[in-house]
Amino acid sequence: MKKLLTAILILTLGLLLFVGCAEKNNDDANGEQPPGSPAQSENPADSENPEPPYTPAAPIADIPDSDPGAANYAIINVRDFGEITVRLHPEYAPNTVTRFVENVRSGFYTGRNFHRVMADFMIQGGSYDGSGGGDPAAEGVFTETHPEARHYYGAFCLAANQLGMGSDSFYIVNNKDTEAFENVLSMYQMELDDIMENIEVYSEMYGEELVNSAIAEIMEFIHTPEEIRARYAEVGGAPFLDGGYTVFGYTMSGFDVIDAISAVPVVMNPFGEPSQPVQDIIIEWIIVKTSLD
């Protein structure tokens, strides 16, 4: 979950996306818990003889070569949908970009799926087991945040579990609601008013330190810089995710592809969330480029 304190004290719709479904088993630290996700699958690999739990689809098209050297852009080809071009930002998340580029160059994402589609929120894919679980051998992948890295529409982000540990699954914010920031701000303000009016009760229930930390979180959001608020008002996004997950790129083109994927029919996934695409949505390939031709 993004922040335990907020989950305890701020029961708004937006923040319930983190905790509204069954929590993931804490023993499986490598499985991703992306924003709004239910519990992820148990670690699928046997510890003595791990076997990949998911077989990526075979590519049906020739895979272009990635550029050598600096990887400034990623092009994601989604079968039957088209291409999404992303500008990578290592200045926001250097370790995440490094791992992502290594995965791209190794062919890890070829044939993997988008397993989770939530309209007006995000689309998620590229996971180890095809359903959001992380590679049990993955180590050292942690959430990286930056004050300028925000969850605007088209943000390219790393899924993570409730411990802040990420892996290889990424998500793209698809929410175009230009009132998203103001809606969340209004909910935060109402919750702050409630906490302040009942601060002695909450302090007794949860402890003074916890309450003060929650208040600080709310105040930080309320004092979001004007330029960030203006950007959300222009393009939309998922502002309640800011500070909790890694944003390591932004979509440059292919917004029509994101929108088309976001509109596919979905059914309940094994965790009771209506987000599993009825059709297979396959990543044909991903390549990285130094420059765009």
C-alpha atoms as a PDB file:
ATOM      1  CA  MET A   1       0.000   0.000   0.000  1.00  0.00           C
ATOM      2  CA  LYS A   2       1.175   3.543  -0.543  1.00  0.00           C
ATOM      3  CA  LYS A   3       1.286   4.766   3.028  1.00  0.00           C
ATOM      4  CA  LEU A   4      -0.057   2.878   6.012  1.00  0.00           C
ATOM      5  CA  LEU A   5      -0.867   5.998   7.942  1.00  0.00           C
ATOM      6  CA  THR A   6      -3.103   7.376   5.250  1.00  0.00           C
ATOM      7  CA  ALA A   7      -4.787   4.024   4.720  1.00  0.00           C
ATOM      8  CA  ILE A   8      -5.700   3.896   8.401  1.00  0.00           C
ATOM      9  CA  LEU A   9      -6.983   7.424   8.804  1.00  0.00           C
ATOM     10  CA  ILE A  10      -8.232   8.506   5.380  1.00  0.00           C
ATOM     11  CA  LEU A  11     -11.011   6.251   4.141  1.00  0.00           C
ATOM     12  CA  THR A  12     -11.702   7.947   0.836  1.00  0.00           C
ATOM     13  CA  LEU A  13     -12.547   6.145  -2.375  1.00  0.00           C
ATOM     14  CA  GLY A  14      -9.251   6.998  -4.001  1.00  0.00           C
ATOM     15  CA  LEU A  15      -7.116   5.769  -1.160  1.00  0.00           C
ATOM     16  CA  LEU A  16      -9.229   2.661  -0.642  1.00  0.00           C
ATOM     17  CA  LEU A  17      -7.833   1.514  -3.967  1.00  0.00           C
ATOM     18  CA  PHE A  18      -4.745   0.484  -2.040  1.00  0.00           C
ATOM     19  CA  VAL A  19      -6.435  -1.561   0.637  1.00  0.00           C
ATOM     20  CA  GLY A  20      -9.960  -2.308  -0.541  1.00  0.00           C
ATOM     21  CA  CYS A  21      -9.150  -5.830  -1.710  1.00  0.00           C
ATOM     22  CA  ALA A  22      -7.467  -8.692   0.073  1.00  0.00           C
ATOM     23  CA  GLU A  23      -3.936  -7.866   1.157  1.00  0.00           C
ATOM     24  CA  LYS A  24      -0.998  -9.684  -0.302  1.00  0.00           C
ATOM     25  CA  ASN A  25       0.831 -12.269   1.761  1.00  0.00           C
ATOM     26  CA  ASN A  26       3.660 -10.376   3.477  1.00  0.00           C
ATOM     27  CA  ASP A  27       5.941 -13.371   3.098  1.00  0.00           C
ATOM     28  CA  ASP A  28       6.019 -12.881  -0.663  1.00  0.00           C
ATOM     29  CA  ALA A  29       8.053  -9.714  -0.777  1.00  0.00           C
ATOM     30  CA  ASN A  30       8.877  -9.988  -4.477  1.00  0.00           C
ATOM     31  CA  GLY A  31       5.318 -10.096  -5.817  1.00  0.00           C
ATOM     32  CA  GLU A  32       4.206  -6.709  -7.040  1.00  0.00           C
ATOM     33  CA  GLN A  33       1.324  -4.886  -5.500  1.00  0.00           C
ATOM     34  CA  PRO A  34       0.681  -2.056  -7.925  1.00  0.00           C
ATOM     35  CA  PRO A  35      -1.628   0.780  -7.109  1.00  0.00           C
ATOM     36  CA  GLY A  36      -5.122  -0.406  -6.402  1.00  0.00           C
ATOM     37  CA  SER A  37      -4.197  -4.045  -6.699  1.00  0.00           C
ATOM     38  CA  PRO A  38      -5.633  -6.901  -4.705  1.00  0.00           C
ATOM     39  CA  ALA A  39      -3.382  -9.529  -3.210  1.00  0.00           C
ATOM     40  CA  GLN A  40      -1.024 -10.913  -5.788  1.00  0.00           C
ATOM     41  CA  SER A  41      -0.527 -14.580  -6.500  1.00  0.00           C
ATOM     42  CA  GLU A  42       1.608 -16.611  -4.129  1.00  0.00           C
ATOM     43  CA  ASN A  43       5.244 -16.980  -5.092  1.00  0.00           C
ATOM     44  CA  PRO A  44       4.816 -19.396  -7.988  1.00  0.00           C
ATOM     45  CA  ALA A  45       8.282 -20.869  -7.989  1.00  0.00           C
ATOM     46  CA  ASP A  46       9.461 -23.789  -5.925  1.00  0.00           C
ATOM     47  CA  SER A  47      12.447 -22.592  -3.907  1.00  0.00           C
ATOM     48  CA  GLU A  48      14.618 -25.554  -4.866  1.00  0.00           C
ATOM     49  CA  ASN A  49      13.689 -25.823  -8.530  1.00  0.00           C
ATOM     50  CA  PRO A  50      11.993 -22.639  -9.693  1.00  0.00           C
ATOM     51  CA  GLU A  51      10.011 -22.860 -12.912  1.00  0.00           C
ATOM     52  CA  PRO A  52       8.536 -19.862 -14.699  1.00  0.00           C
ATOM     53  CA  PRO A  53       4.784 -19.915 -14.027  1.00  0.00           C
ATOM     54  CA  TYR A  54       3.896 -18.235 -17.317  1.00  0.00           C
ATOM     55  CA  THR A  55       4.932 -18.789 -20.908  1.00  0.00           C
ATOM     56  CA  PRO A  56       5.041 -15.579 -22.956  1.00  0.00           C
ATOM     57  CA  ALA A  57       3.349 -15.622 -26.334  1.00  0.00           C
ATOM     58  CA  ALA A  58       5.548 -16.223 -29.366  1.00  0.00           C
ATOM     59  CA  PRO A  59       6.198 -13.055 -31.391  1.00  0.00           C
ATOM     60  CA  ILE A  60       4.470 -12.875 -34.746  1.00  0.00           C
ATOM     61  CA  ALA A  61       6.538 -10.017 -36.122  1.00  0.00           C
ATOM     62  CA  ASP A  62      10.227  -9.322 -36.532  1.00  0.00           C
ATOM     63  CA  ILE A  63      11.642  -7.559 -33.502  1.00  0.00           C
ATOM     64  CA  PRO A  64      13.634  -4.397 -34.282  1.00  0.00           C
ATOM     65  CA  ASP A  65      16.984  -3.934 -32.603  1.00  0.00           C
ATOM     66  CA  SER A  66      17.393  -1.612 -29.647  1.00  0.00           C
ATOM     67  CA  ASP A  67      19.947   1.165 -29.992  1.00  0.00           C
ATOM     68  CA  PRO A  68      23.272   0.693 -28.219  1.00  0.00           C
ATOM     69  CA  GLY A  69      24.341   3.297 -25.726  1.00  0.00           C
ATOM     70  CA  ALA A  70      22.037   5.653 -23.865  1.00  0.00           C
ATOM     71  CA  ALA A  71      18.412   4.570 -23.705  1.00  0.00           C
ATOM     72  CA  ASN A  72      16.299   7.713 -23.756  1.00  0.00           C
ATOM     73  CA  TYR A  73      13.104   6.307 -25.221  1.00  0.00           C
ATOM     74  CA  ALA A  74      11.146   3.063 -25.171  1.00  0.00           C
ATOM     75  CA  ILE A  75       8.785   1.900 -27.893  1.00  0.00           C
ATOM     76  CA  ILE A  76       6.180  -0.632 -26.807  1.00  0.00           C
ATOM     77  CA  ASN A  77       4.479  -2.572 -29.598  1.00  0.00           C
ATOM     78  CA  VAL A  78       1.184  -4.072 -28.454  1.00  0.00           C
ATOM     79  CA  ARG A  79      -0.229  -6.742 -30.728  1.00  0.00           C
ATOM     80  CA  ASP A  80      -3.332  -5.595 -32.637  1.00  0.00           C
ATOM     81  CA  PHE A  81      -3.254  -2.215 -30.888  1.00  0.00           C
ATOM     82  CA  GLY A  82      -0.163  -0.330 -32.033  1.00  0.00           C
ATOM     83  CA  GLU A  83       2.842   1.404 -30.514  1.00  0.00           C
ATOM     84  CA  ILE A  84       3.350   3.500 -27.392  1.00  0.00           C
ATOM     85  CA  THR A  85       6.450   5.685 -27.274  1.00  0.00           C
ATOM     86  CA  VAL A  86       7.744   6.628 -23.834  1.00  0.00           C
ATOM     87  CA  ARG A  87      10.393   9.140 -22.798  1.00  0.00           C
ATOM     88  CA  LEU A  88      12.464   7.556 -20.030  1.00  0.00           C
ATOM     89  CA  HIS A  89      13.595   9.682 -17.084  1.00  0.00           C
ATOM     90  CA  PRO A  90      16.630   8.230 -15.283  1.00  0.00           C
ATOM     91  CA  GLU A  91      16.968  11.518 -13.402  1.00  0.00           C
ATOM     92  CA  TYR A  92      13.774  10.542 -11.552  1.00  0.00           C
ATOM     93  CA  ALA A  93      14.462   6.840 -11.088  1.00  0.00           C
ATOM     94  CA  PRO A  94      17.965   5.748 -12.164  1.00  0.00           C
ATOM     95  CA  ASN A  95      17.843   2.216 -10.767  1.00  0.00           C
ATOM     96  CA  THR A  96      14.403   1.514 -12.215  1.00  0.00           C
ATOM     97  CA  VAL A  97      15.362   2.768 -15.663  1.00  0.00           C
ATOM     98  CA  THR A  98      18.535   0.668 -15.587  1.00  0.00           C
ATOM     99  CA  ARG A  99      16.621  -2.491 -14.745  1.00  0.00           C
ATOM    100  CA  PHE A 100      13.904  -1.781 -17.277  1.00  0.00           C
ATOM    101  CA  VAL A 101      16.439  -1.228 -20.052  1.00  0.00           C
ATOM    102  CA  GLU A 102      18.272  -4.430 -19.115  1.00  0.00           C
ATOM    103  CA  ASN A 103      14.982  -6.314 -19.293  1.00  0.00           C
ATOM    104  CA  VAL A 104      14.186  -4.797 -22.670  1.00  0.00           C
ATOM    105  CA  ARG A 105      17.566  -5.692 -24.135  1.00  0.00           C
ATOM    106  CA  SER A 106      17.318  -9.244 -22.800  1.00  0.00           C
ATOM    107  CA  GLY A 107      13.925  -9.706 -24.469  1.00  0.00           C
ATOM    108  CA  PHE A 108      12.169 -10.236 -21.142  1.00  0.00           C
ATOM    109  CA  TYR A 109       9.015  -8.368 -22.148  1.00  0.00           C
ATOM    110  CA  THR A 110       8.581 -10.008 -25.528  1.00  0.00           C
ATOM    111  CA  GLY A 111       5.266 -11.871 -25.619  1.00  0.00           C
ATOM    112  CA  ARG A 112       4.218 -10.912 -22.097  1.00  0.00           C
ATOM    113  CA  ASN A 113       0.752  -9.620 -21.429  1.00  0.00           C
ATOM    114  CA  PHE A 114      -1.216  -6.736 -20.035  1.00  0.00           C
ATOM    115  CA  HIS A 115      -2.968  -8.624 -17.273  1.00  0.00           C
ATOM    116  CA  ARG A 116      -4.807  -5.761 -15.609  1.00  0.00           C
ATOM    117  CA  VAL A 117      -6.954  -3.068 -17.182  1.00  0.00           C
ATOM    118  CA  MET A 118      -8.854  -0.511 -15.124  1.00  0.00           C
ATOM    119  CA  ALA A 119     -10.614   2.274 -16.992  1.00  0.00           C
ATOM    120  CA  ASP A 120      -9.931   5.760 -15.625  1.00  0.00           C
ATOM    121  CA  PHE A 121      -7.015   4.441 -13.571  1.00  0.00           C
ATOM    122  CA  MET A 122      -4.243   2.437 -15.244  1.00  0.00           C
ATOM    123  CA  ILE A 123      -3.242  -0.499 -17.430  1.00  0.00           C
ATOM    124  CA  GLN A 124      -0.589  -2.912 -16.171  1.00  0.00           C
ATOM    125  CA  GLY A 125       1.574  -5.542 -17.826  1.00  0.00           C
ATOM    126  CA  GLY A 126       4.975  -7.119 -18.244  1.00  0.00           C
ATOM    127  CA  SER A 127       4.866  -9.243 -15.102  1.00  0.00           C
ATOM    128  CA  TYR A 128       6.907 -12.388 -14.485  1.00  0.00           C
ATOM    129  CA  ASP A 129       3.945 -14.704 -14.027  1.00  0.00           C
ATOM    130  CA  GLY A 130       1.407 -13.038 -16.291  1.00  0.00           C
ATOM    131  CA  SER A 131      -0.844 -11.979 -13.433  1.00  0.00           C
ATOM    132  CA  GLY A 132       1.182  -9.416 -11.490  1.00  0.00           C
ATOM    133  CA  GLY A 133       3.589 -11.583  -9.498  1.00  0.00           C
ATOM    134  CA  GLY A 134       7.265 -10.740  -9.306  1.00  0.00           C
ATOM    135  CA  ASP A 135      10.287 -12.778 -10.241  1.00  0.00           C
ATOM    136  CA  PRO A 136      11.305 -14.654  -7.062  1.00  0.00           C
ATOM    137  CA  ALA A 137      14.937 -14.144  -8.060  1.00  0.00           C
ATOM    138  CA  ALA A 138      14.594 -10.373  -8.353  1.00  0.00           C
ATOM    139  CA  GLU A 139      16.484  -8.369  -5.771  1.00  0.00           C
ATOM    140  CA  GLY A 140      17.230  -4.747  -5.082  1.00  0.00           C
ATOM    141  CA  VAL A 141      14.275  -3.203  -6.916  1.00  0.00           C
ATOM    142  CA  PHE A 142      12.785  -0.527  -4.708  1.00  0.00           C
ATOM    143  CA  THR A 143      10.405   2.362  -5.129  1.00  0.00           C
ATOM    144  CA  GLU A 144      12.117   5.568  -6.272  1.00  0.00           C
ATOM    145  CA  THR A 145      10.234   8.820  -5.862  1.00  0.00           C
ATOM    146  CA  HIS A 146      11.030  12.340  -7.006  1.00  0.00           C
ATOM    147  CA  PRO A 147       9.136  15.592  -6.366  1.00  0.00           C
ATOM    148  CA  GLU A 148       8.819  16.231 -10.099  1.00  0.00           C
ATOM    149  CA  ALA A 149       7.761  12.682 -11.003  1.00  0.00           C
ATOM    150  CA  ARG A 150       3.962  12.732 -10.900  1.00  0.00           C
ATOM    151  CA  HIS A 151       1.213  10.394 -12.021  1.00  0.00           C
ATOM    152  CA  TYR A 152      -0.123  12.438 -14.915  1.00  0.00           C
ATOM    153  CA  TYR A 153      -2.118  10.806 -17.689  1.00  0.00           C
ATOM    154  CA  GLY A 154       0.410   8.726 -19.625  1.00  0.00           C
ATOM    155  CA  ALA A 155       2.860   8.307 -16.746  1.00  0.00           C
ATOM    156  CA  PHE A 156       4.975   5.161 -17.105  1.00  0.00           C
ATOM    157  CA  CYS A 157       5.478   3.582 -13.690  1.00  0.00           C
ATOM    158  CA  LEU A 158       6.809   0.577 -11.788  1.00  0.00           C
ATOM    159  CA  ALA A 159       4.453  -1.660  -9.867  1.00  0.00           C
ATOM    160  CA  ALA A 160       5.443  -2.400  -6.273  1.00  0.00           C
ATOM    161  CA  ASN A 161       4.232  -4.333  -3.273  1.00  0.00           C
ATOM    162  CA  GLN A 162       3.214  -2.946   0.107  1.00  0.00           C
ATOM    163  CA  LEU A 163       6.843  -3.058   1.235  1.00  0.00           C
ATOM    164  CA  GLY A 164       7.919  -0.694  -1.538  1.00  0.00           C
ATOM    165  CA  MET A 165       9.720  -3.440  -3.437  1.00  0.00           C
ATOM    166  CA  GLY A 166       9.186  -3.450  -7.189  1.00  0.00           C
ATOM    167  CA  SER A 167      10.024  -5.930  -9.881  1.00  0.00           C
ATOM    168  CA  ASP A 168       9.396  -5.902 -13.630  1.00  0.00           C
ATOM    169  CA  SER A 169       5.708  -5.168 -14.099  1.00  0.00           C
ATOM    170  CA  PHE A 170       4.900  -1.642 -15.255  1.00  0.00           C
ATOM    171  CA  TYR A 171       1.710   0.366 -15.404  1.00  0.00           C
ATOM    172  CA  ILE A 172       0.565   3.337 -17.458  1.00  0.00           C
ATOM    173  CA  VAL A 173      -1.866   5.870 -15.995  1.00  0.00           C
ATOM    174  CA  ASN A 174      -4.939   6.163 -18.236  1.00  0.00           C
ATOM    175  CA  ASN A 175      -7.113   8.579 -16.252  1.00  0.00           C
ATOM    176  CA  LYS A 176      -7.960  11.740 -18.222  1.00  0.00           C
ATOM    177  CA  ASP A 177     -10.199  13.311 -15.590  1.00  0.00           C
ATOM    178  CA  THR A 178      -8.912  16.878 -15.347  1.00  0.00           C
ATOM    179  CA  GLU A 179     -10.696  17.319 -12.017  1.00  0.00           C
ATOM    180  CA  ALA A 180      -8.874  14.384 -10.425  1.00  0.00           C
ATOM    181  CA  PHE A 181      -6.519  16.519  -8.374  1.00  0.00           C
ATOM    182  CA  GLU A 182      -9.240  18.814  -7.052  1.00  0.00           C
ATOM    183  CA  ASN A 183     -11.443  15.837  -6.181  1.00  0.00           C
ATOM    184  CA  VAL A 184      -8.675  14.216  -4.155  1.00  0.00           C
ATOM    185  CA  LEU A 185      -7.799  17.564  -2.597  1.00  0.00           C
ATOM    186  CA  SER A 186     -11.400  17.999  -1.490  1.00  0.00           C
ATOM    187  CA  MET A 187     -11.426  14.563   0.128  1.00  0.00           C
ATOM    188  CA  TYR A 188      -8.136  15.227   1.874  1.00  0.00           C
ATOM    189  CA  GLN A 189      -9.453  18.523   3.202  1.00  0.00           C
ATOM    190  CA  MET A 190     -12.592  16.876   4.585  1.00  0.00           C
ATOM    191  CA  GLU A 191     -10.532  14.194   6.261  1.00  0.00           C
ATOM    192  CA  LEU A 192      -8.166  16.781   7.711  1.00  0.00           C
ATOM    193  CA  ASP A 193     -11.131  18.687   9.142  1.00  0.00           C
ATOM    194  CA  ASP A 194     -12.455  15.478  10.663  1.00  0.00           C
ATOM    195  CA  ILE A 195      -9.102  14.548  12.167  1.00  0.00           C
ATOM    196  CA  MET A 196      -8.611  18.003  13.670  1.00  0.00           C
ATOM    197  CA  GLU A 197     -12.105  17.984  15.163  1.00  0.00           C
ATOM    198  CA  ASN A 198     -11.531  14.551  16.680  1.00  0.00           C
ATOM    199  CA  ILE A 199      -7.794  14.626  17.225  1.00  0.00           C
ATOM    200  CA  GLU A 200      -7.942  13.483  20.835  1.00  0.00           C
ATOM    201  CA  VAL A 201     -10.066  10.472  19.909  1.00  0.00           C
ATOM    202  CA  TYR A 202      -7.813   9.501  16.996  1.00  0.00           C
ATOM    203  CA  SER A 203      -4.695  10.011  19.098  1.00  0.00           C
ATOM    204  CA  GLU A 204      -6.053   7.649  21.709  1.00  0.00           C
ATOM    205  CA  MET A 205      -7.060   5.088  19.078  1.00  0.00           C
ATOM    206  CA  TYR A 206      -3.940   5.167  16.886  1.00  0.00           C
ATOM    207  CA  GLY A 207      -1.318   7.036  18.875  1.00  0.00           C
ATOM    208  CA  GLU A 208      -0.247  10.650  18.639  1.00  0.00           C
ATOM    209  CA  GLU A 209       2.731   9.930  16.388  1.00  0.00           C
ATOM    210  CA  LEU A 210       0.584   8.129  13.833  1.00  0.00           C
ATOM    211  CA  VAL A 211      -1.998  10.904  13.771  1.00  0.00           C
ATOM    212  CA  ASN A 212       0.639  13.617  13.397  1.00  0.00           C
ATOM    213  CA  SER A 213       2.239  11.717  10.531  1.00  0.00           C
ATOM    214  CA  ALA A 214      -1.105  11.408   8.777  1.00  0.00           C
ATOM    215  CA  ILE A 215      -1.713  15.132   9.189  1.00  0.00           C
ATOM    216  CA  ALA A 216       1.719  15.850   7.715  1.00  0.00           C
ATOM    217  CA  GLU A 217       0.915  13.678   4.687  1.00  0.00           C
ATOM    218  CA  ILE A 218      -2.330  15.524   4.081  1.00  0.00           C
ATOM    219  CA  MET A 219      -0.668  18.911   4.457  1.00  0.00           C
ATOM    220  CA  GLU A 220       2.020  17.915   1.976  1.00  0.00           C
ATOM    221  CA  PHE A 221      -0.655  17.116  -0.601  1.00  0.00           C
ATOM    222  CA  ILE A 222      -2.591  20.315   0.127  1.00  0.00           C
ATOM    223  CA  HIS A 223       0.565  22.335  -0.504  1.00  0.00           C
ATOM    224  CA  THR A 224       1.337  20.680  -3.851  1.00  0.00           C
ATOM    225  CA  PRO A 225       3.082  23.267  -6.073  1.00  0.00           C
ATOM    226  CA  GLU A 226       0.803  25.219  -8.370  1.00  0.00           C
ATOM    227  CA  GLU A 227       2.550  24.078 -11.545  1.00  0.00           C
ATOM    228  CA  ILE A 228       1.835  20.437 -10.673  1.00  0.00           C
ATOM    229  CA  ARG A 229      -1.798  21.202  -9.917  1.00  0.00           C
ATOM    230  CA  ALA A 230      -2.053  23.037 -13.229  1.00  0.00           C
ATOM    231  CA  ARG A 231      -0.628  20.063 -15.112  1.00  0.00           C
ATOM    232  CA  TYR A 232      -3.168  17.717 -13.536  1.00  0.00           C
ATOM    233  CA  ALA A 233      -5.898  20.210 -14.468  1.00  0.00           C
ATOM    234  CA  GLU A 234      -4.644  20.107 -18.051  1.00  0.00           C
ATOM    235  CA  VAL A 235      -4.172  16.365 -18.674  1.00  0.00           C
ATOM    236  CA  GLY A 236      -5.618  14.429 -15.719  1.00  0.00           C
ATOM    237  CA  GLY A 237      -3.970  11.547 -13.914  1.00  0.00           C
ATOM    238  CA  ALA A 238      -3.890   9.743 -10.574  1.00  0.00           C
ATOM    239  CA  PRO A 239      -2.497  12.247  -8.050  1.00  0.00           C
ATOM    240  CA  PHE A 240      -3.204  10.068  -5.017  1.00  0.00           C
ATOM    241  CA  LEU A 241      -0.397   7.757  -6.179  1.00  0.00           C
ATOM    242  CA  ASP A 242       2.261  10.474  -5.995  1.00  0.00           C
ATOM    243  CA  GLY A 243       5.034   9.706  -3.547  1.00  0.00           C
ATOM    244  CA  GLY A 244       4.097   6.043  -3.270  1.00  0.00           C
ATOM    245  CA  TYR A 245       5.217   4.524  -6.571  1.00  0.00           C
ATOM    246  CA  THR A 246       8.001   4.952  -9.099  1.00  0.00           C
ATOM    247  CA  VAL A 247       7.341   7.164 -12.123  1.00  0.00           C
ATOM    248  CA  PHE A 248      10.194   6.597 -14.570  1.00  0.00           C
ATOM    249  CA  GLY A 249       8.820   7.813 -17.888  1.00  0.00           C
ATOM    250  CA  TYR A 250       6.055   9.628 -19.728  1.00  0.00           C
ATOM    251  CA  THR A 251       4.130   8.680 -22.832  1.00  0.00           C
ATOM    252  CA  MET A 252       4.999  10.820 -25.859  1.00  0.00           C
ATOM    253  CA  SER A 253       2.770   9.176 -28.456  1.00  0.00           C
ATOM    254  CA  GLY A 254       0.378   6.270 -28.607  1.00  0.00           C
ATOM    255  CA  PHE A 255      -2.240   7.725 -26.293  1.00  0.00           C
ATOM    256  CA  ASP A 256      -4.829   6.246 -28.657  1.00  0.00           C
ATOM    257  CA  VAL A 257      -3.318   2.816 -27.965  1.00  0.00           C
ATOM    258  CA  ILE A 258      -3.554   3.373 -24.210  1.00  0.00           C
ATOM    259  CA  ASP A 259      -7.173   4.455 -24.580  1.00  0.00           C
ATOM    260  CA  ALA A 260      -8.034   1.466 -26.775  1.00  0.00           C
ATOM    261  CA  ILE A 261      -6.526  -1.001 -24.302  1.00  0.00           C
ATOM    262  CA  SER A 262      -8.316   0.772 -21.474  1.00  0.00           C
ATOM    263  CA  ALA A 263     -11.663   0.206 -23.214  1.00  0.00           C
ATOM    264  CA  VAL A 264     -11.449  -3.587 -23.622  1.00  0.00           C
ATOM    265  CA  PRO A 265     -14.033  -5.712 -21.775  1.00  0.00           C
ATOM    266  CA  VAL A 266     -12.833  -7.121 -18.454  1.00  0.00           C
ATOM    267  CA  VAL A 267     -13.988  -9.775 -15.997  1.00  0.00           C
ATOM    268  CA  MET A 268     -13.205 -10.497 -12.367  1.00  0.00           C
ATOM    269  CA  ASN A 269      -9.648 -11.597 -11.752  1.00  0.00           C
ATOM    270  CA  PRO A 270      -8.881 -14.336  -9.186  1.00  0.00           C
ATOM    271  CA  PHE A 271      -8.877 -11.702  -6.427  1.00  0.00           C
ATOM    272  CA  GLY A 272     -12.361 -10.400  -7.174  1.00  0.00           C
ATOM    273  CA  GLU A 273     -11.299  -7.239  -8.981  1.00  0.00           C
ATOM    274  CA  PRO A 274     -12.970  -6.451 -12.344  1.00  0.00           C
ATOM    275  CA  SER A 275      -9.739  -5.902 -14.260  1.00  0.00           C
ATOM    276  CA  GLN A 276      -8.828  -9.072 -16.169  1.00  0.00           C
ATOM    277  CA  PRO A 277      -9.062  -8.495 -19.931  1.00  0.00           C
ATOM    278  CA  VAL A 278     -11.362 -10.879 -21.765  1.00  0.00           C
ATOM    279  CA  GLN A 279      -8.955 -10.909 -24.705  1.00  0.00           C
ATOM    280  CA  ASP A 280      -5.226 -11.516 -24.585  1.00  0.00           C
ATOM    281  CA  ILE A 281      -3.344  -8.232 -24.803  1.00  0.00           C
ATOM    282  CA  ILE A 282       0.176  -9.124 -25.832  1.00  0.00           C
ATOM    283  CA  ILE A 283       3.336  -7.057 -25.794  1.00  0.00           C
ATOM    284  CA  GLU A 284       4.795  -7.950 -29.177  1.00  0.00           C
ATOM    285  CA  TRP A 285       8.096  -6.329 -28.240  1.00  0.00           C
ATOM    286  CA  ILE A 286       9.730  -3.403 -26.504  1.00  0.00           C
ATOM    287  CA  ILE A 287      12.872  -1.690 -27.754  1.00  0.00           C
ATOM    288  CA  VAL A 288      14.869   1.252 -26.412  1.00  0.00           C
ATOM    289  CA  LYS A 289      16.170   4.110 -28.544  1.00  0.00           C
ATOM    290  CA  THR A 290      18.791   6.783 -28.073  1.00  0.00           C
ATOM    291  CA  SER A 291      16.902   9.200 -30.306  1.00  0.00           C
ATOM    292  CA  LEU A 292      13.704   9.197 -32.318  1.00  0.00           C
ATOM    293  CA  ASP A 293      14.045   9.260 -36.099  1.00  0.00           C
END
